[in-house]
Amino acid sequence: MEILKVGDAAYPQFQSAEDKVTAVTEILRKDNDFKSVSKNSSMQSGHVPPHRAALAVKRGMDVAIGLAGTVAFLAAYPFLALLIKLESPGPALYAQVRVGLDQRRQRRGSLASAAQRRQATRMGAPRRNQDVGGKPFQIRKFRTMRADAEAQGPQLCEKGGDPRVTRVGRFLRSTHLDELPQFWNVLKGEMSFIGPRPERPHFTLRYFEHIPMYRERTRHVKPGITGLSQITLGYDDTLESVERKTHFDLAYRQSLAGLKAWFKMEGWILVNTIRYLLNRKPLVETEFTLPA
């Protein structure tokens, strides 16, 4: 059964592909009787704690995948680093601060703890007395842009061909080889293989002001290399695309409340991550099926 047809059957009032695929995430999570996560829903997440067994199994998977991915990164580094340096001057790897797991109790409008604020400032987060949405940590990626790509400050990648991206960088992005160094973060426990995209503090502060429930996407859930929103909608290029992704991130987060629902969601994401990598485009632009 095609995924868009499933969406049509479940929610015939939805017209866009994004809304239909969002509807399918509700079907995947039906065992938990959660409310709809469509654009018309109230998005009541943040109150359902993750299932302890699901988190334990998830961490075991992350250790195995993180170890294998780190070995692959070390093996590929000499070749990919040479390609990057031959095309443009600058380091082969670059580091960025990202926002990780948020383990604090939910308090609407609360400020970050003093320790969290000090760590965020030390690692390069904005010097503001605000909650950045989780514990800051540092990731490394293969450089895909010119070394001076953000001389004017952080900015989203332009859709349809960002002029800052190098030719080697386009290949690395399309194959997602630029993300190989992040398997070390998975092995260390700062990230998970599957989870919401880890965002920069500069952007999380901006999204808090415009996107309802955005701060809930990493509450008790580690960010991931792949995830429901990443493989479904692809790269962010506008505030609206980030808002659409937030629905998917919260859908995944809620699936962790039950072991059966999490297994179903996790397996679906693993299978379709492979399809996403083979097609080199988000699933919303392709035809794909739900697992039996």
C-alpha atoms as a PDB file:
ATOM      1  CA  MET A   1       0.000   0.000   0.000  1.00  0.00           C
ATOM      2  CA  GLU A   2       1.481   3.345  -1.012  1.00  0.00           C
ATOM      3  CA  ILE A   3       2.124   5.676   1.878  1.00  0.00           C
ATOM      4  CA  LEU A   4       0.247   8.589   0.307  1.00  0.00           C
ATOM      5  CA  LYS A   5      -2.783   6.363  -0.258  1.00  0.00           C
ATOM      6  CA  VAL A   6      -2.656   5.434   3.418  1.00  0.00           C
ATOM      7  CA  GLY A   7      -2.684   9.141   4.208  1.00  0.00           C
ATOM      8  CA  ASP A   8      -5.615   9.709   1.847  1.00  0.00           C
ATOM      9  CA  ALA A   9      -7.617   6.962   3.538  1.00  0.00           C
ATOM     10  CA  ALA A  10      -6.864   8.168   7.048  1.00  0.00           C
ATOM     11  CA  TYR A  11      -7.200  11.901   6.498  1.00  0.00           C
ATOM     12  CA  PRO A  12      -8.944  12.664   3.174  1.00  0.00           C
ATOM     13  CA  GLN A  13      -9.117  16.379   4.050  1.00  0.00           C
ATOM     14  CA  PHE A  14      -5.331  16.730   3.670  1.00  0.00           C
ATOM     15  CA  GLN A  15      -4.142  17.847   0.245  1.00  0.00           C
ATOM     16  CA  SER A  16      -0.363  18.233   0.508  1.00  0.00           C
ATOM     17  CA  ALA A  17       2.077  15.317   0.475  1.00  0.00           C
ATOM     18  CA  GLU A  18       3.618  16.542   3.727  1.00  0.00           C
ATOM     19  CA  ASP A  19       0.283  16.359   5.546  1.00  0.00           C
ATOM     20  CA  LYS A  20      -0.487  12.914   4.136  1.00  0.00           C
ATOM     21  CA  VAL A  21       2.842  11.512   5.269  1.00  0.00           C
ATOM     22  CA  THR A  22       2.322  13.141   8.655  1.00  0.00           C
ATOM     23  CA  ALA A  23      -0.984  11.278   8.844  1.00  0.00           C
ATOM     24  CA  VAL A  24       0.854   8.004   8.327  1.00  0.00           C
ATOM     25  CA  THR A  25       2.962   8.631  11.424  1.00  0.00           C
ATOM     26  CA  GLU A  26      -0.305   8.640  13.366  1.00  0.00           C
ATOM     27  CA  ILE A  27      -1.118   5.203  11.962  1.00  0.00           C
ATOM     28  CA  LEU A  28       2.336   3.943  12.913  1.00  0.00           C
ATOM     29  CA  ARG A  29       1.727   5.108  16.484  1.00  0.00           C
ATOM     30  CA  LYS A  30      -1.887   3.951  16.849  1.00  0.00           C
ATOM     31  CA  ASP A  31      -0.963   1.452  19.569  1.00  0.00           C
ATOM     32  CA  ASN A  32      -0.462   4.350  21.999  1.00  0.00           C
ATOM     33  CA  ASP A  33      -3.700   6.181  21.145  1.00  0.00           C
ATOM     34  CA  PHE A  34      -1.926   9.499  20.758  1.00  0.00           C
ATOM     35  CA  LYS A  35      -3.669  12.536  19.370  1.00  0.00           C
ATOM     36  CA  SER A  36      -3.200  13.453  15.725  1.00  0.00           C
ATOM     37  CA  VAL A  37       0.043  15.237  14.937  1.00  0.00           C
ATOM     38  CA  SER A  38      -1.296  16.966  11.855  1.00  0.00           C
ATOM     39  CA  LYS A  39      -0.973  20.691  11.420  1.00  0.00           C
ATOM     40  CA  ASN A  40      -4.473  21.014  12.857  1.00  0.00           C
ATOM     41  CA  SER A  41      -3.642  19.199  16.102  1.00  0.00           C
ATOM     42  CA  SER A  42      -2.719  20.672  19.476  1.00  0.00           C
ATOM     43  CA  MET A  43       0.578  18.725  19.505  1.00  0.00           C
ATOM     44  CA  GLN A  44       0.247  17.744  23.157  1.00  0.00           C
ATOM     45  CA  SER A  45       3.628  16.112  23.707  1.00  0.00           C
ATOM     46  CA  GLY A  46       6.136  16.514  26.460  1.00  0.00           C
ATOM     47  CA  HIS A  47       3.938  14.777  29.052  1.00  0.00           C
ATOM     48  CA  VAL A  48       4.541  11.142  28.032  1.00  0.00           C
ATOM     49  CA  PRO A  49       7.822   9.731  29.401  1.00  0.00           C
ATOM     50  CA  PRO A  50       9.843   7.320  27.237  1.00  0.00           C
ATOM     51  CA  HIS A  51       9.573   3.598  27.958  1.00  0.00           C
ATOM     52  CA  ARG A  52      12.650   2.498  29.906  1.00  0.00           C
ATOM     53  CA  ALA A  53      13.000  -0.771  27.982  1.00  0.00           C
ATOM     54  CA  ALA A  54      12.832   1.114  24.681  1.00  0.00           C
ATOM     55  CA  LEU A  55      15.608   3.461  25.812  1.00  0.00           C
ATOM     56  CA  ALA A  56      17.753   0.528  26.952  1.00  0.00           C
ATOM     57  CA  VAL A  57      17.393  -1.352  23.656  1.00  0.00           C
ATOM     58  CA  LYS A  58      17.937   1.874  21.745  1.00  0.00           C
ATOM     59  CA  ARG A  59      21.201   2.542  23.569  1.00  0.00           C
ATOM     60  CA  GLY A  60      22.416  -0.986  22.838  1.00  0.00           C
ATOM     61  CA  MET A  61      21.722  -0.436  19.135  1.00  0.00           C
ATOM     62  CA  ASP A  62      23.495   2.920  19.271  1.00  0.00           C
ATOM     63  CA  VAL A  63      26.666   1.407  20.737  1.00  0.00           C
ATOM     64  CA  ALA A  64      26.840  -1.229  17.997  1.00  0.00           C
ATOM     65  CA  ILE A  65      26.017   1.199  15.176  1.00  0.00           C
ATOM     66  CA  GLY A  66      28.232   3.928  16.622  1.00  0.00           C
ATOM     67  CA  LEU A  67      31.209   1.586  16.793  1.00  0.00           C
ATOM     68  CA  ALA A  68      30.725   0.378  13.213  1.00  0.00           C
ATOM     69  CA  GLY A  69      30.233   3.931  11.961  1.00  0.00           C
ATOM     70  CA  THR A  70      33.328   5.222  13.751  1.00  0.00           C
ATOM     71  CA  VAL A  71      35.423   2.500  12.134  1.00  0.00           C
ATOM     72  CA  ALA A  72      33.987   3.475   8.744  1.00  0.00           C
ATOM     73  CA  PHE A  73      34.805   7.141   9.427  1.00  0.00           C
ATOM     74  CA  LEU A  74      38.436   6.365  10.299  1.00  0.00           C
ATOM     75  CA  ALA A  75      38.797   4.225   7.171  1.00  0.00           C
ATOM     76  CA  ALA A  76      37.276   6.885   4.877  1.00  0.00           C
ATOM     77  CA  TYR A  77      38.984   9.901   6.427  1.00  0.00           C
ATOM     78  CA  PRO A  78      42.288   9.913   4.438  1.00  0.00           C
ATOM     79  CA  PHE A  79      40.527   9.684   1.065  1.00  0.00           C
ATOM     80  CA  LEU A  80      37.711  12.160   1.771  1.00  0.00           C
ATOM     81  CA  ALA A  81      40.035  14.639   3.503  1.00  0.00           C
ATOM     82  CA  LEU A  82      42.307  14.632   0.440  1.00  0.00           C
ATOM     83  CA  LEU A  83      39.388  15.342  -1.910  1.00  0.00           C
ATOM     84  CA  ILE A  84      38.184  18.222   0.244  1.00  0.00           C
ATOM     85  CA  LYS A  85      41.601  19.844   0.539  1.00  0.00           C
ATOM     86  CA  LEU A  86      42.369  19.471  -3.179  1.00  0.00           C
ATOM     87  CA  GLU A  87      39.304  21.520  -4.102  1.00  0.00           C
ATOM     88  CA  SER A  88      39.309  24.273  -1.496  1.00  0.00           C
ATOM     89  CA  PRO A  89      41.651  25.562   1.229  1.00  0.00           C
ATOM     90  CA  GLY A  90      40.753  24.932   4.836  1.00  0.00           C
ATOM     91  CA  PRO A  91      40.363  22.025   7.236  1.00  0.00           C
ATOM     92  CA  ALA A  92      38.796  18.738   6.161  1.00  0.00           C
ATOM     93  CA  LEU A  93      36.642  18.668   9.294  1.00  0.00           C
ATOM     94  CA  TYR A  94      34.811  21.470  11.029  1.00  0.00           C
ATOM     95  CA  ALA A  95      33.249  21.614  14.481  1.00  0.00           C
ATOM     96  CA  GLN A  96      29.913  23.055  15.541  1.00  0.00           C
ATOM     97  CA  VAL A  97      27.992  23.299  18.787  1.00  0.00           C
ATOM     98  CA  ARG A  98      24.650  21.516  18.687  1.00  0.00           C
ATOM     99  CA  VAL A  99      21.827  21.127  21.190  1.00  0.00           C
ATOM    100  CA  GLY A 100      21.386  17.651  22.609  1.00  0.00           C
ATOM    101  CA  LEU A 101      19.287  15.782  25.131  1.00  0.00           C
ATOM    102  CA  ASP A 102      17.037  17.817  27.402  1.00  0.00           C
ATOM    103  CA  GLN A 103      16.573  15.937  30.695  1.00  0.00           C
ATOM    104  CA  ARG A 104      15.087  18.745  32.718  1.00  0.00           C
ATOM    105  CA  ARG A 105      11.580  18.618  34.072  1.00  0.00           C
ATOM    106  CA  GLN A 106       9.075  20.469  31.965  1.00  0.00           C
ATOM    107  CA  ARG A 107       8.568  24.032  33.116  1.00  0.00           C
ATOM    108  CA  ARG A 108       6.936  26.377  30.673  1.00  0.00           C
ATOM    109  CA  GLY A 109       9.024  29.456  29.971  1.00  0.00           C
ATOM    110  CA  SER A 110      11.759  28.377  32.401  1.00  0.00           C
ATOM    111  CA  LEU A 111      15.357  29.468  32.156  1.00  0.00           C
ATOM    112  CA  ALA A 112      18.221  27.065  31.743  1.00  0.00           C
ATOM    113  CA  SER A 113      20.133  25.980  34.820  1.00  0.00           C
ATOM    114  CA  ALA A 114      23.244  27.957  35.739  1.00  0.00           C
ATOM    115  CA  ALA A 115      25.502  25.011  34.861  1.00  0.00           C
ATOM    116  CA  GLN A 116      23.788  24.569  31.487  1.00  0.00           C
ATOM    117  CA  ARG A 117      24.093  28.264  30.682  1.00  0.00           C
ATOM    118  CA  ARG A 118      27.806  28.248  31.544  1.00  0.00           C
ATOM    119  CA  GLN A 119      28.420  25.198  29.349  1.00  0.00           C
ATOM    120  CA  ALA A 120      26.456  26.689  26.451  1.00  0.00           C
ATOM    121  CA  THR A 121      28.443  29.937  26.642  1.00  0.00           C
ATOM    122  CA  ARG A 122      31.760  28.107  26.914  1.00  0.00           C
ATOM    123  CA  MET A 123      30.977  26.025  23.805  1.00  0.00           C
ATOM    124  CA  GLY A 124      29.905  28.989  21.703  1.00  0.00           C
ATOM    125  CA  ALA A 125      26.169  29.294  22.322  1.00  0.00           C
ATOM    126  CA  PRO A 126      24.624  32.799  22.403  1.00  0.00           C
ATOM    127  CA  ARG A 127      25.315  34.729  25.611  1.00  0.00           C
ATOM    128  CA  ARG A 128      21.681  34.885  26.660  1.00  0.00           C
ATOM    129  CA  ASN A 129      19.999  33.875  29.887  1.00  0.00           C
ATOM    130  CA  GLN A 130      17.704  31.500  27.998  1.00  0.00           C
ATOM    131  CA  ASP A 131      17.021  27.825  27.612  1.00  0.00           C
ATOM    132  CA  VAL A 132      18.734  26.578  24.434  1.00  0.00           C
ATOM    133  CA  GLY A 133      16.636  23.408  24.457  1.00  0.00           C
ATOM    134  CA  GLY A 134      19.070  20.854  25.833  1.00  0.00           C
ATOM    135  CA  LYS A 135      22.669  20.095  26.736  1.00  0.00           C
ATOM    136  CA  PRO A 136      25.127  21.637  24.243  1.00  0.00           C
ATOM    137  CA  PHE A 137      27.728  19.336  22.732  1.00  0.00           C
ATOM    138  CA  GLN A 138      30.185  19.516  19.857  1.00  0.00           C
ATOM    139  CA  ILE A 139      29.948  17.600  16.597  1.00  0.00           C
ATOM    140  CA  ARG A 140      32.383  17.329  13.702  1.00  0.00           C
ATOM    141  CA  LYS A 141      31.482  16.920  10.048  1.00  0.00           C
ATOM    142  CA  PHE A 142      33.383  16.769   6.802  1.00  0.00           C
ATOM    143  CA  ARG A 143      33.483  20.292   5.397  1.00  0.00           C
ATOM    144  CA  THR A 144      31.138  20.699   2.426  1.00  0.00           C
ATOM    145  CA  MET A 145      31.283  24.503   2.033  1.00  0.00           C
ATOM    146  CA  ARG A 146      33.932  27.128   1.543  1.00  0.00           C
ATOM    147  CA  ALA A 147      35.905  27.892   4.692  1.00  0.00           C
ATOM    148  CA  ASP A 148      34.329  31.389   4.841  1.00  0.00           C
ATOM    149  CA  ALA A 149      30.769  30.152   4.244  1.00  0.00           C
ATOM    150  CA  GLU A 150      29.420  31.708   7.440  1.00  0.00           C
ATOM    151  CA  ALA A 151      31.482  34.855   7.608  1.00  0.00           C
ATOM    152  CA  GLN A 152      28.185  36.765   7.876  1.00  0.00           C
ATOM    153  CA  GLY A 153      26.876  34.518  10.643  1.00  0.00           C
ATOM    154  CA  PRO A 154      24.833  31.281  10.805  1.00  0.00           C
ATOM    155  CA  GLN A 155      22.311  30.755   8.005  1.00  0.00           C
ATOM    156  CA  LEU A 156      20.216  27.970   6.525  1.00  0.00           C
ATOM    157  CA  CYS A 157      21.373  26.257   3.358  1.00  0.00           C
ATOM    158  CA  GLU A 158      19.723  27.594   0.204  1.00  0.00           C
ATOM    159  CA  LYS A 159      17.470  25.138  -1.595  1.00  0.00           C
ATOM    160  CA  GLY A 160      18.236  24.259  -5.207  1.00  0.00           C
ATOM    161  CA  GLY A 161      22.000  24.734  -5.040  1.00  0.00           C
ATOM    162  CA  ASP A 162      23.752  26.805  -2.408  1.00  0.00           C
ATOM    163  CA  PRO A 163      26.727  28.621  -4.012  1.00  0.00           C
ATOM    164  CA  ARG A 164      28.733  28.140  -0.816  1.00  0.00           C
ATOM    165  CA  VAL A 165      28.739  24.351  -1.285  1.00  0.00           C
ATOM    166  CA  THR A 166      31.753  22.930  -3.128  1.00  0.00           C
ATOM    167  CA  ARG A 167      31.583  20.230  -5.801  1.00  0.00           C
ATOM    168  CA  VAL A 168      33.008  17.640  -3.407  1.00  0.00           C
ATOM    169  CA  GLY A 169      30.630  18.984  -0.794  1.00  0.00           C
ATOM    170  CA  ARG A 170      27.614  18.332  -3.010  1.00  0.00           C
ATOM    171  CA  PHE A 171      28.709  14.718  -3.368  1.00  0.00           C
ATOM    172  CA  LEU A 172      29.272  14.358   0.378  1.00  0.00           C
ATOM    173  CA  ARG A 173      25.879  15.870   1.150  1.00  0.00           C
ATOM    174  CA  SER A 174      23.978  13.783  -1.385  1.00  0.00           C
ATOM    175  CA  THR A 175      25.516  10.584  -0.011  1.00  0.00           C
ATOM    176  CA  HIS A 176      25.548  11.867   3.600  1.00  0.00           C
ATOM    177  CA  LEU A 177      29.199  10.882   3.943  1.00  0.00           C
ATOM    178  CA  ASP A 178      29.779  14.284   5.548  1.00  0.00           C
ATOM    179  CA  GLU A 179      27.997  12.943   8.630  1.00  0.00           C
ATOM    180  CA  LEU A 180      30.360   9.998   9.238  1.00  0.00           C
ATOM    181  CA  PRO A 181      32.223  11.772  12.093  1.00  0.00           C
ATOM    182  CA  GLN A 182      28.956  11.977  14.057  1.00  0.00           C
ATOM    183  CA  PHE A 183      29.062   8.234  14.718  1.00  0.00           C
ATOM    184  CA  TRP A 184      31.638   9.093  17.369  1.00  0.00           C
ATOM    185  CA  ASN A 185      28.995  11.240  19.081  1.00  0.00           C
ATOM    186  CA  VAL A 186      26.615   8.277  18.901  1.00  0.00           C
ATOM    187  CA  LEU A 187      29.211   6.001  20.491  1.00  0.00           C
ATOM    188  CA  LYS A 188      29.859   8.558  23.249  1.00  0.00           C
ATOM    189  CA  GLY A 189      26.156   8.797  24.027  1.00  0.00           C
ATOM    190  CA  GLU A 190      25.700  12.437  23.007  1.00  0.00           C
ATOM    191  CA  MET A 191      23.556  11.427  20.035  1.00  0.00           C
ATOM    192  CA  SER A 192      21.493   8.470  18.918  1.00  0.00           C
ATOM    193  CA  PHE A 193      21.507   6.918  15.455  1.00  0.00           C
ATOM    194  CA  ILE A 194      17.788   7.723  15.133  1.00  0.00           C
ATOM    195  CA  GLY A 195      16.306  10.910  16.548  1.00  0.00           C
ATOM    196  CA  PRO A 196      15.514  14.563  15.772  1.00  0.00           C
ATOM    197  CA  ARG A 197      18.142  16.546  13.906  1.00  0.00           C
ATOM    198  CA  PRO A 198      20.648  18.191  16.294  1.00  0.00           C
ATOM    199  CA  GLU A 199      20.236  21.944  15.875  1.00  0.00           C
ATOM    200  CA  ARG A 200      22.532  24.861  16.663  1.00  0.00           C
ATOM    201  CA  PRO A 201      21.735  27.069  19.698  1.00  0.00           C
ATOM    202  CA  HIS A 202      21.507  30.129  17.430  1.00  0.00           C
ATOM    203  CA  PHE A 203      18.573  28.555  15.599  1.00  0.00           C
ATOM    204  CA  THR A 204      16.854  26.887  18.557  1.00  0.00           C
ATOM    205  CA  LEU A 205      16.459  30.274  20.236  1.00  0.00           C
ATOM    206  CA  ARG A 206      14.896  31.602  17.048  1.00  0.00           C
ATOM    207  CA  TYR A 207      12.580  28.620  16.590  1.00  0.00           C
ATOM    208  CA  PHE A 208      11.340  28.810  20.186  1.00  0.00           C
ATOM    209  CA  GLU A 209       9.760  32.156  19.315  1.00  0.00           C
ATOM    210  CA  HIS A 210       7.968  30.983  16.174  1.00  0.00           C
ATOM    211  CA  ILE A 211       7.254  27.244  16.419  1.00  0.00           C
ATOM    212  CA  PRO A 212       4.925  25.904  19.130  1.00  0.00           C
ATOM    213  CA  MET A 213       6.289  22.883  21.012  1.00  0.00           C
ATOM    214  CA  TYR A 214       9.676  23.100  19.266  1.00  0.00           C
ATOM    215  CA  ARG A 215      11.507  22.892  22.587  1.00  0.00           C
ATOM    216  CA  GLU A 216       9.810  19.533  23.297  1.00  0.00           C
ATOM    217  CA  ARG A 217      11.404  17.650  20.388  1.00  0.00           C
ATOM    218  CA  THR A 218      14.547  16.651  22.346  1.00  0.00           C
ATOM    219  CA  ARG A 219      13.013  16.375  25.817  1.00  0.00           C
ATOM    220  CA  HIS A 220      14.255  12.978  27.040  1.00  0.00           C
ATOM    221  CA  VAL A 221      15.221  12.098  23.431  1.00  0.00           C
ATOM    222  CA  LYS A 222      18.728  12.357  22.001  1.00  0.00           C
ATOM    223  CA  PRO A 223      19.172  13.948  18.570  1.00  0.00           C
ATOM    224  CA  GLY A 224      20.039  11.558  15.749  1.00  0.00           C
ATOM    225  CA  ILE A 225      21.970  11.169  12.521  1.00  0.00           C
ATOM    226  CA  THR A 226      18.813   9.969  10.793  1.00  0.00           C
ATOM    227  CA  GLY A 227      15.200  10.272  11.815  1.00  0.00           C
ATOM    228  CA  LEU A 228      11.570  10.411  10.778  1.00  0.00           C
ATOM    229  CA  SER A 229      11.679  14.097   9.834  1.00  0.00           C
ATOM    230  CA  GLN A 230      15.085  13.949   8.121  1.00  0.00           C
ATOM    231  CA  ILE A 231      14.281  11.126   5.712  1.00  0.00           C
ATOM    232  CA  THR A 232      10.741  12.354   5.036  1.00  0.00           C
ATOM    233  CA  LEU A 233      11.337  16.049   4.329  1.00  0.00           C
ATOM    234  CA  GLY A 234      15.104  16.416   3.717  1.00  0.00           C
ATOM    235  CA  TYR A 235      17.132  19.564   4.433  1.00  0.00           C
ATOM    236  CA  ASP A 236      15.710  22.671   6.097  1.00  0.00           C
ATOM    237  CA  ASP A 237      15.652  25.835   4.009  1.00  0.00           C
ATOM    238  CA  THR A 238      12.854  27.926   5.551  1.00  0.00           C
ATOM    239  CA  LEU A 239      11.165  28.422   8.897  1.00  0.00           C
ATOM    240  CA  GLU A 240       8.101  26.683   7.454  1.00  0.00           C
ATOM    241  CA  SER A 241      10.122  23.554   6.615  1.00  0.00           C
ATOM    242  CA  VAL A 242      11.447  23.452  10.182  1.00  0.00           C
ATOM    243  CA  GLU A 243       7.892  23.734  11.488  1.00  0.00           C
ATOM    244  CA  ARG A 244       6.783  20.796   9.330  1.00  0.00           C
ATOM    245  CA  LYS A 245       9.687  18.745  10.626  1.00  0.00           C
ATOM    246  CA  THR A 246       8.755  19.494  14.210  1.00  0.00           C
ATOM    247  CA  HIS A 247       5.508  17.549  13.762  1.00  0.00           C
ATOM    248  CA  PHE A 248       7.486  14.484  12.712  1.00  0.00           C
ATOM    249  CA  ASP A 249      10.017  14.877  15.533  1.00  0.00           C
ATOM    250  CA  LEU A 250       7.232  14.972  18.103  1.00  0.00           C
ATOM    251  CA  ALA A 251       5.581  11.954  16.489  1.00  0.00           C
ATOM    252  CA  TYR A 252       8.819   9.997  16.881  1.00  0.00           C
ATOM    253  CA  ARG A 253       9.246  11.232  20.432  1.00  0.00           C
ATOM    254  CA  GLN A 254       5.792  10.018  21.404  1.00  0.00           C
ATOM    255  CA  SER A 255       6.410   6.581  19.858  1.00  0.00           C
ATOM    256  CA  LEU A 256       9.019   5.993  22.570  1.00  0.00           C
ATOM    257  CA  ALA A 257       6.259   5.888  25.196  1.00  0.00           C
ATOM    258  CA  GLY A 258       5.457   2.273  24.287  1.00  0.00           C
ATOM    259  CA  LEU A 259       7.831  -0.563  23.422  1.00  0.00           C
ATOM    260  CA  LYS A 260       5.647  -1.992  20.647  1.00  0.00           C
ATOM    261  CA  ALA A 261       5.022   1.388  19.030  1.00  0.00           C
ATOM    262  CA  TRP A 262       8.735   2.238  19.240  1.00  0.00           C
ATOM    263  CA  PHE A 263       9.787  -1.043  17.571  1.00  0.00           C
ATOM    264  CA  LYS A 264       7.358  -0.377  14.753  1.00  0.00           C
ATOM    265  CA  MET A 265       8.527   3.217  14.300  1.00  0.00           C
ATOM    266  CA  GLU A 266      12.234   2.377  14.620  1.00  0.00           C
ATOM    267  CA  GLY A 267      12.017  -0.454  12.088  1.00  0.00           C
ATOM    268  CA  TRP A 268      10.113   1.748   9.644  1.00  0.00           C
ATOM    269  CA  ILE A 269      12.754   4.484   9.896  1.00  0.00           C
ATOM    270  CA  LEU A 270      15.652   2.025   9.477  1.00  0.00           C
ATOM    271  CA  VAL A 271      14.133   0.509   6.328  1.00  0.00           C
ATOM    272  CA  ASN A 272      13.295   3.867   4.793  1.00  0.00           C
ATOM    273  CA  THR A 273      16.656   5.403   5.699  1.00  0.00           C
ATOM    274  CA  ILE A 274      18.193   2.900   3.292  1.00  0.00           C
ATOM    275  CA  ARG A 275      15.692   3.910   0.609  1.00  0.00           C
ATOM    276  CA  TYR A 276      16.391   7.559   1.305  1.00  0.00           C
ATOM    277  CA  LEU A 277      20.136   7.024   0.831  1.00  0.00           C
ATOM    278  CA  LEU A 278      19.621   5.036  -2.368  1.00  0.00           C
ATOM    279  CA  ASN A 279      17.218   7.590  -3.887  1.00  0.00           C
ATOM    280  CA  ARG A 280      19.224  10.590  -2.608  1.00  0.00           C
ATOM    281  CA  LYS A 281      16.047  12.573  -2.018  1.00  0.00           C
ATOM    282  CA  PRO A 282      13.458  12.826   0.749  1.00  0.00           C
ATOM    283  CA  LEU A 283      10.726  10.219   0.878  1.00  0.00           C
ATOM    284  CA  VAL A 284       7.968  12.754   0.336  1.00  0.00           C
ATOM    285  CA  GLU A 285       9.293  13.096  -3.237  1.00  0.00           C
ATOM    286  CA  THR A 286       9.166   9.338  -3.895  1.00  0.00           C
ATOM    287  CA  GLU A 287       6.724   6.472  -3.753  1.00  0.00           C
ATOM    288  CA  PHE A 288       7.380   4.047  -0.924  1.00  0.00           C
ATOM    289  CA  THR A 289       5.458   1.514   1.135  1.00  0.00           C
ATOM    290  CA  LEU A 290       4.885   0.762   4.761  1.00  0.00           C
ATOM    291  CA  PRO A 291       6.508  -2.422   6.100  1.00  0.00           C
ATOM    292  CA  ALA A 292       4.184  -5.390   6.361  1.00  0.00           C
END
